[in-house]
Every structure is written in structure tokens, then in C-alpha cells.
Amino acid sequence: MNPYDALDPAELAELSNWTIGGRPAPAWLASGPDPELARAKLVRALDRPRRGGAWARALAAYLGADLDAVYAEHYPRKAARLASEARARGDNPHAEKLQSALVALMFCANCGRPLADPLSIDRGIGPDCWQKIEPAWRDAISARLVDREGAAGELPLAVIA
């Protein structure tokens, strides 16, 4: 995939301001850099304002990486805060994507702290946050867990034995 396909004209102009070792970022990406080096640069870019903007998006496209998943992996608390802000402004798909990435990595989807106990890992929410989250969200998570346990409980005994 061409890393520039995901960028609009304003982002392409922004990307031209970035340099890597004195070379313009587009030329550096065109040279086919080592993926591990590109990933390290992506992780560092994500900690910048606007999560690295066009540079991070171009690096993620070059690597075929999910920007939100990489952000959640390396900056879980910031990702949880970003998910909360996205949900507050009504951007639920983005919030859910970030929270799913956090849960997959065993971090609390609310605050980004590591999850340790099995119930918290199943819920995707730590014990402290469980008491603080909105009742509707808590009910939805509980219903999902009950549905999952119910589906497992419906297996014939021959399959379980």
C-alpha cells in the first residue's frame, strides 16, 4: 500500500515538513526503510501532539499497522483518556475501537491500567473503574458475559466430557 493514499492534500503538505536524518520524510519512506525502525519512529510519533498527525498516519500505512492498536499498546493510559474524550463528543466507533484494543492487550478500557484478576480481564474493566463507570455500560458488559457463559453452558454433556 502506498502510505500517501490515506492522506489528504493538507496532510501531504504537513508530511513534507518532516525530515529523517536530513532527508524529507516522503523520500525516507520511499527508500523502503527497515520495518522495525519505522515502527520505532511510529511509536515515538504517537507521543507527539495530535498523535503524530500525517507522519504517524503515513508510517502506519507503510507498516500496515492499526494506528489505534499501536497507540493503545504503547500508551494505554493516554489511549483510555482519548477513548473517553471520543465517547464524550459522540465518536462512539472510535472510542469502541480504542477500548477494544486496550481490552485485547489486557488494559482497563476505562483508565488504561493493567488488568490482573480474571474477572476484570473478562470484563475489560478493572475493579476500581467498575464502580465508577456508567450503569448502562456496566449492564451491557454484564449482559455480554452472561450471554457468553450461557452459550458455553448450552453445550451437550458429551462435548464437555
Protein backbone atom coordinates (compact mmCIF):
# COMPACT_ATOMS: atom_id res chain seq x y z
CA MET A 1 0.00 0.00 0.00
CA ASN A 2 1.20 3.49 -0.83
CA PRO A 3 1.48 5.33 2.51
CA TYR A 4 0.26 8.53 0.87
CA ASP A 5 -3.10 7.12 -0.25
CA ALA A 6 -4.52 7.61 3.27
CA LEU A 7 -3.53 11.30 3.38
CA ASP A 8 -5.46 14.32 2.16
CA PRO A 9 -3.66 17.26 0.44
CA ALA A 10 -3.23 19.22 3.70
CA GLU A 11 -1.64 16.18 5.36
CA LEU A 12 0.68 15.67 2.39
CA ALA A 13 1.84 19.27 2.82
CA GLU A 14 2.34 18.66 6.56
CA LEU A 15 4.32 15.49 5.82
CA SER A 16 6.77 17.45 3.67
CA ASN A 17 7.80 19.39 6.82
CA TRP A 18 9.13 16.21 8.49
CA THR A 19 12.73 15.16 7.98
CA ILE A 20 14.54 11.94 8.93
CA GLY A 21 18.32 12.22 9.12
CA GLY A 22 18.19 15.36 6.98
CA ARG A 23 16.05 13.65 4.31
CA PRO A 24 12.43 14.64 3.70
CA ALA A 25 10.05 12.10 5.22
CA PRO A 26 8.46 11.15 1.86
CA ALA A 27 11.91 10.34 0.44
CA TRP A 28 12.81 8.33 3.56
CA LEU A 29 9.59 6.29 3.29
CA ALA A 30 10.10 5.80 -0.45
CA SER A 31 13.54 4.27 0.26
CA GLY A 32 11.83 1.30 1.96
CA PRO A 33 13.21 1.63 5.49
CA ASP A 34 13.52 -1.31 7.88
CA PRO A 35 10.05 -2.02 9.34
CA GLU A 36 11.41 -2.20 12.90
CA LEU A 37 12.94 1.26 12.55
CA ALA A 38 9.72 2.60 11.00
CA ARG A 39 7.69 1.09 13.89
CA ALA A 40 10.01 2.71 16.45
CA LYS A 41 9.52 6.06 14.71
CA LEU A 42 5.75 5.47 14.70
CA VAL A 43 5.71 4.80 18.45
CA ARG A 44 7.68 8.00 19.08
CA ALA A 45 5.44 9.99 16.73
CA LEU A 46 2.32 8.83 18.56
CA ASP A 47 3.54 10.56 21.72
CA ARG A 48 3.61 13.92 19.95
CA PRO A 49 0.72 16.39 19.74
CA ARG A 50 -2.15 15.16 17.56
CA ARG A 51 -0.61 11.66 17.86
CA GLY A 52 1.93 12.50 15.16
CA GLY A 53 -0.62 13.64 12.57
CA ALA A 54 0.23 12.95 8.95
CA TRP A 55 3.63 11.45 9.79
CA ALA A 56 2.12 8.81 12.07
CA ARG A 57 -0.64 8.03 9.56
CA ALA A 58 1.92 7.63 6.76
CA LEU A 59 4.11 5.36 8.92
CA ALA A 60 1.10 3.25 9.95
CA ALA A 61 0.05 2.90 6.30
CA TYR A 62 3.62 1.94 5.32
CA LEU A 63 3.66 -0.74 8.04
CA GLY A 64 0.06 -1.85 7.52
CA ALA A 65 -0.47 -1.16 11.22
CA ASP A 66 -3.62 -0.06 13.03
CA LEU A 67 -2.79 3.34 14.49
CA ASP A 68 -5.18 2.95 17.44
CA ALA A 69 -3.89 -0.52 18.33
CA VAL A 70 -0.26 0.68 18.34
CA TYR A 71 -1.27 3.70 20.44
CA ALA A 72 -3.14 1.51 22.94
CA GLU A 73 -0.21 -0.90 23.17
CA HIS A 74 2.40 1.75 23.94
CA TYR A 75 0.36 4.46 25.67
CA PRO A 76 -2.57 2.66 27.34
CA ARG A 77 -3.50 5.41 29.79
CA LYS A 78 -3.46 8.06 27.09
CA ALA A 79 -5.49 5.75 24.85
CA ALA A 80 -8.08 5.27 27.60
CA ARG A 81 -8.31 9.05 28.07
CA LEU A 82 -8.63 9.53 24.29
CA ALA A 83 -11.41 6.90 24.18
CA SER A 84 -13.23 8.69 26.99
CA GLU A 85 -12.94 12.01 25.14
CA ALA A 86 -14.15 10.39 21.90
CA ARG A 87 -17.16 8.89 23.67
CA ALA A 88 -17.95 12.27 25.30
CA ARG A 89 -18.04 14.01 21.91
CA GLY A 90 -20.19 11.23 20.43
CA ASP A 91 -17.49 9.49 18.40
CA ASN A 92 -18.53 6.04 19.66
CA PRO A 93 -16.93 3.97 16.85
CA HIS A 94 -13.51 5.49 17.59
CA ALA A 95 -14.00 5.08 21.36
CA GLU A 96 -15.01 1.44 20.93
CA LYS A 97 -12.04 0.74 18.65
CA LEU A 98 -9.61 2.15 21.23
CA GLN A 99 -11.32 0.33 24.09
CA SER A 100 -11.27 -2.96 22.17
CA ALA A 101 -7.54 -2.55 21.57
CA LEU A 102 -6.99 -1.86 25.28
CA VAL A 103 -9.02 -4.90 26.35
CA ALA A 104 -7.20 -7.14 23.87
CA LEU A 105 -3.93 -6.05 25.47
CA MET A 106 -5.37 -6.65 29.00
CA PHE A 107 -5.57 -2.99 29.99
CA CYS A 108 -8.62 -1.39 31.58
CA ALA A 109 -10.78 0.14 28.84
CA ASN A 110 -11.67 3.00 31.18
CA CYS A 111 -8.33 4.11 32.66
CA GLY A 112 -5.64 2.13 30.80
CA ARG A 113 -4.12 0.43 33.86
CA PRO A 114 -3.04 -3.23 33.53
CA LEU A 115 -5.66 -5.84 34.45
CA ALA A 116 -4.62 -8.71 36.72
CA ASP A 117 -7.60 -10.65 38.06
CA PRO A 118 -9.60 -12.96 35.75
CA LEU A 119 -12.98 -11.24 36.27
CA SER A 120 -11.51 -7.84 35.37
CA ILE A 121 -9.83 -9.32 32.29
CA ASP A 122 -13.16 -10.85 31.20
CA ARG A 123 -14.95 -7.53 31.72
CA GLY A 124 -12.16 -5.41 30.27
CA ILE A 125 -12.64 -3.06 33.23
CA GLY A 126 -10.66 -3.02 36.47
CA PRO A 127 -12.31 -3.26 39.90
CA ASP A 128 -11.87 0.44 40.73
CA CYS A 129 -13.35 1.60 37.43
CA TRP A 130 -16.17 -0.97 37.57
CA GLN A 131 -17.71 1.05 40.40
CA LYS A 132 -17.28 4.35 38.53
CA ILE A 133 -18.50 3.59 35.00
CA GLU A 134 -22.00 4.45 33.80
CA PRO A 135 -24.63 1.89 34.82
CA ALA A 136 -25.69 1.36 31.18
CA TRP A 137 -22.12 0.44 30.21
CA ARG A 138 -21.81 -1.86 33.25
CA ASP A 139 -25.13 -3.56 32.35
CA ALA A 140 -24.04 -4.07 28.73
CA ILE A 141 -20.76 -5.67 29.82
CA SER A 142 -22.55 -7.90 32.34
CA ALA A 143 -25.08 -8.99 29.69
CA ARG A 144 -22.25 -9.85 27.27
CA LEU A 145 -20.59 -12.01 29.93
CA VAL A 146 -23.88 -13.76 30.78
CA ASP A 147 -24.55 -14.41 27.07
CA ARG A 148 -21.05 -15.86 26.64
CA GLU A 149 -21.43 -18.10 29.72
CA GLY A 150 -24.92 -19.13 28.62
CA ALA A 151 -23.66 -20.18 25.20
CA ALA A 152 -20.94 -22.30 26.83
CA GLY A 153 -23.48 -23.78 29.26
CA GLU A 154 -25.67 -24.97 26.36
CA LEU A 155 -23.07 -27.43 25.07
CA PRO A 156 -24.13 -31.07 25.20
CA LEU A 157 -22.57 -33.04 28.06
CA ALA A 158 -20.81 -35.33 25.58
CA VAL A 159 -18.87 -32.35 24.24
CA ILE A 160 -17.87 -31.20 27.73
CA ALA A 161 -16.74 -34.63 28.94
